[in-house]
Amino acid sequence: MRFCFSGKSSLVILLAVFLMVAATAPAAIAKADMTPDLVVAPAPVLSEGWAKRPALAGRPGVAYVTITNTLPQAVDDVLRSVTSPKVKKIELHTHSMDKGVMRMRRVESVAVPAGGQVEFRPGGLHLMLFGLHDLDTDTGEQLPLVFNFDKAGPVSLTIPVQ
């Protein structure tokens, strides 16, 4: 079977098809899930983390981690704070030499350059853990941490306590 339409009848059929599609489109859209897809931005990669209990009761503990900035488009980020439900207060610290004496001092933030890596390690940057509670290293205790970045936002990591 072959159909052949002349100019005016083709226009009428095309208009009729258009109107049918337009009339049914709102119903089809209403039935579809209209929840927008969540776009998850790449977060800095946190690795090689571990914590050390205080040598003496009542003293602060310490934690170390490596942060790798994987944000797209060469974006620098800044670590502003770290929190944990098992630690009263966590401070960012570094070591520096002052007249031949190694001193520890608090820093307000740590820059994480685009595509770069920052190591928190003994003798350098580290996390001071004030008011550790409910930790039992005999049972392989894990310490949940949340790292708060300017661009990436909060990033969670759980580390072993030694």
Protein backbone atom coordinates (compact mmCIF):
# COMPACT_ATOMS: atom_id res chain seq x y z
CA MET A 1 0.00 0.00 0.00
CA ARG A 2 1.34 3.35 -0.99
CA PHE A 3 0.37 6.76 0.37
CA CYS A 4 0.85 9.94 -1.51
CA PHE A 5 -0.11 13.31 -0.08
CA SER A 6 -0.22 16.64 -1.81
CA GLY A 7 1.04 19.88 -0.25
CA LYS A 8 -2.05 20.95 1.76
CA SER A 9 -3.00 17.46 3.00
CA SER A 10 0.63 16.79 4.07
CA LEU A 11 0.58 19.92 6.17
CA VAL A 12 -2.72 18.92 7.82
CA ILE A 13 -1.40 15.41 8.65
CA LEU A 14 1.85 16.82 10.01
CA LEU A 15 -0.09 19.26 12.19
CA ALA A 16 -2.36 16.46 13.45
CA VAL A 17 0.64 14.29 14.40
CA PHE A 18 2.27 17.24 16.16
CA LEU A 19 -0.89 17.96 18.17
CA MET A 20 -1.24 14.29 19.21
CA VAL A 21 2.35 14.18 20.44
CA ALA A 22 1.98 17.52 22.23
CA ALA A 23 -1.26 16.37 23.90
CA THR A 24 0.23 13.14 25.26
CA ALA A 25 3.64 14.53 26.28
CA PRO A 26 2.52 16.06 29.63
CA ALA A 27 1.06 12.71 30.74
CA ALA A 28 4.25 10.88 29.82
CA ILE A 29 6.36 13.46 31.65
CA ALA A 30 4.13 13.29 34.73
CA LYS A 31 4.57 9.51 34.88
CA ALA A 32 8.35 9.75 34.59
CA ASP A 33 10.51 10.11 37.67
CA MET A 34 11.25 13.81 37.72
CA THR A 35 13.81 13.60 40.51
CA PRO A 36 16.99 15.23 39.23
CA ASP A 37 20.07 13.04 39.13
CA LEU A 38 22.52 13.80 41.88
CA VAL A 39 25.83 14.97 40.53
CA VAL A 40 28.59 13.74 42.80
CA ALA A 41 31.76 15.78 42.54
CA PRO A 42 35.03 13.92 42.88
CA ALA A 43 36.34 14.16 46.41
CA PRO A 44 39.93 14.24 47.57
CA VAL A 45 41.29 10.74 48.09
CA LEU A 46 42.22 10.04 51.71
CA SER A 47 44.62 7.14 52.18
CA GLU A 48 47.23 5.59 54.47
CA GLY A 49 45.47 6.90 57.56
CA TRP A 50 46.21 5.72 61.08
CA ALA A 51 46.01 7.07 64.62
CA LYS A 52 48.17 6.59 67.69
CA ARG A 53 46.79 6.54 71.21
CA PRO A 54 48.27 8.95 73.73
CA ALA A 55 51.33 7.65 75.57
CA LEU A 56 49.83 8.89 78.86
CA ALA A 57 46.18 9.01 79.88
CA GLY A 58 44.70 12.48 79.47
CA ARG A 59 47.25 13.52 76.81
CA PRO A 60 46.32 14.02 73.14
CA GLY A 61 46.62 11.33 70.52
CA VAL A 62 47.78 11.88 66.96
CA ALA A 63 46.60 10.85 63.50
CA TYR A 64 48.17 10.79 60.07
CA VAL A 65 46.76 10.56 56.53
CA THR A 66 47.66 11.29 52.92
CA ILE A 67 45.34 13.60 50.96
CA THR A 68 45.37 13.52 47.16
CA ASN A 69 43.44 16.28 45.36
CA THR A 70 41.42 14.71 42.54
CA LEU A 71 39.09 17.65 41.92
CA PRO A 72 38.56 18.27 38.19
CA GLN A 73 39.85 21.22 36.19
CA ALA A 74 42.95 21.85 38.28
CA VAL A 75 41.12 23.22 41.32
CA ASP A 76 43.04 23.93 44.53
CA ASP A 77 41.24 23.03 47.76
CA VAL A 78 41.75 23.81 51.44
CA LEU A 79 41.32 21.50 54.43
CA ARG A 80 39.67 23.61 57.15
CA SER A 81 38.93 21.10 59.90
CA VAL A 82 38.56 17.47 60.91
CA THR A 83 35.90 16.13 63.28
CA SER A 84 35.04 12.80 64.90
CA PRO A 85 32.30 11.62 67.24
CA LYS A 86 34.99 9.86 69.29
CA VAL A 87 37.24 12.90 69.79
CA LYS A 88 36.37 16.07 71.69
CA LYS A 89 38.55 18.34 69.51
CA ILE A 90 40.89 17.81 66.54
CA GLU A 91 43.48 20.40 65.54
CA LEU A 92 45.66 20.64 62.44
CA HIS A 93 49.33 20.87 63.52
CA THR A 94 52.78 21.09 62.00
CA HIS A 95 56.37 20.92 63.23
CA SER A 96 58.96 23.62 62.68
CA MET A 97 62.50 24.30 63.82
CA ASP A 98 62.94 27.33 66.09
CA LYS A 99 66.55 28.09 67.12
CA GLY A 100 67.50 24.44 66.85
CA VAL A 101 64.43 23.24 68.77
CA MET A 102 61.61 21.32 67.09
CA ARG A 103 58.31 23.00 67.94
CA MET A 104 54.77 21.98 67.24
CA ARG A 105 52.23 24.63 66.28
CA ARG A 106 48.59 24.74 65.28
CA VAL A 107 47.63 25.76 61.74
CA GLU A 108 44.19 27.06 60.75
CA SER A 109 44.07 25.30 57.38
CA VAL A 110 46.10 23.20 54.98
CA ALA A 111 46.20 23.96 51.24
CA VAL A 112 45.81 20.95 48.95
CA PRO A 113 47.05 21.99 45.49
CA ALA A 114 45.29 20.91 42.31
CA GLY A 115 46.51 17.45 41.33
CA GLY A 116 48.77 17.50 44.38
CA GLN A 117 49.24 15.48 47.52
CA VAL A 118 49.66 16.46 51.16
CA GLU A 119 51.07 14.01 53.67
CA PHE A 120 50.25 14.15 57.37
CA ARG A 121 53.16 12.14 58.81
CA PRO A 122 55.39 11.95 61.89
CA GLY A 123 57.68 14.99 62.03
CA GLY A 124 55.42 17.05 59.76
CA LEU A 125 51.75 17.85 59.43
CA HIS A 126 49.54 15.83 61.77
CA LEU A 127 46.15 15.80 63.50
CA MET A 128 46.17 16.34 67.26
CA LEU A 129 43.35 14.37 68.91
CA PHE A 130 42.22 16.02 72.15
CA GLY A 131 39.80 14.16 74.41
CA LEU A 132 39.82 10.69 72.88
CA HIS A 133 37.14 8.56 74.42
CA ASP A 134 35.64 5.12 74.04
CA LEU A 135 38.68 3.68 72.27
CA ASP A 136 39.83 0.14 72.88
CA THR A 137 42.81 -0.79 70.72
CA ASP A 138 42.75 -4.37 71.98
CA THR A 139 39.68 -4.97 69.82
CA GLY A 140 41.07 -3.35 66.66
CA GLU A 141 39.39 0.00 67.25
CA GLN A 142 38.59 2.19 64.27
CA LEU A 143 38.38 5.98 64.41
CA PRO A 144 35.80 7.66 62.15
CA LEU A 145 36.92 11.06 60.84
CA VAL A 146 35.28 13.74 58.69
CA PHE A 147 37.61 16.04 56.75
CA ASN A 148 36.00 19.38 55.85
CA PHE A 149 37.25 20.99 52.63
CA ASP A 150 36.33 24.36 51.10
CA LYS A 151 35.44 22.99 47.66
CA ALA A 152 34.91 19.25 48.14
CA GLY A 153 32.93 19.64 51.38
CA PRO A 154 32.96 16.85 53.99
CA VAL A 155 34.86 13.63 53.17
CA SER A 156 34.74 10.66 55.56
CA LEU A 157 37.50 8.22 56.42
CA THR A 158 37.76 5.55 59.12
CA ILE A 159 41.29 4.77 60.28
CA PRO A 160 42.79 2.12 62.59
CA VAL A 161 44.03 3.12 66.03
CA GLN A 162 47.42 1.68 67.04
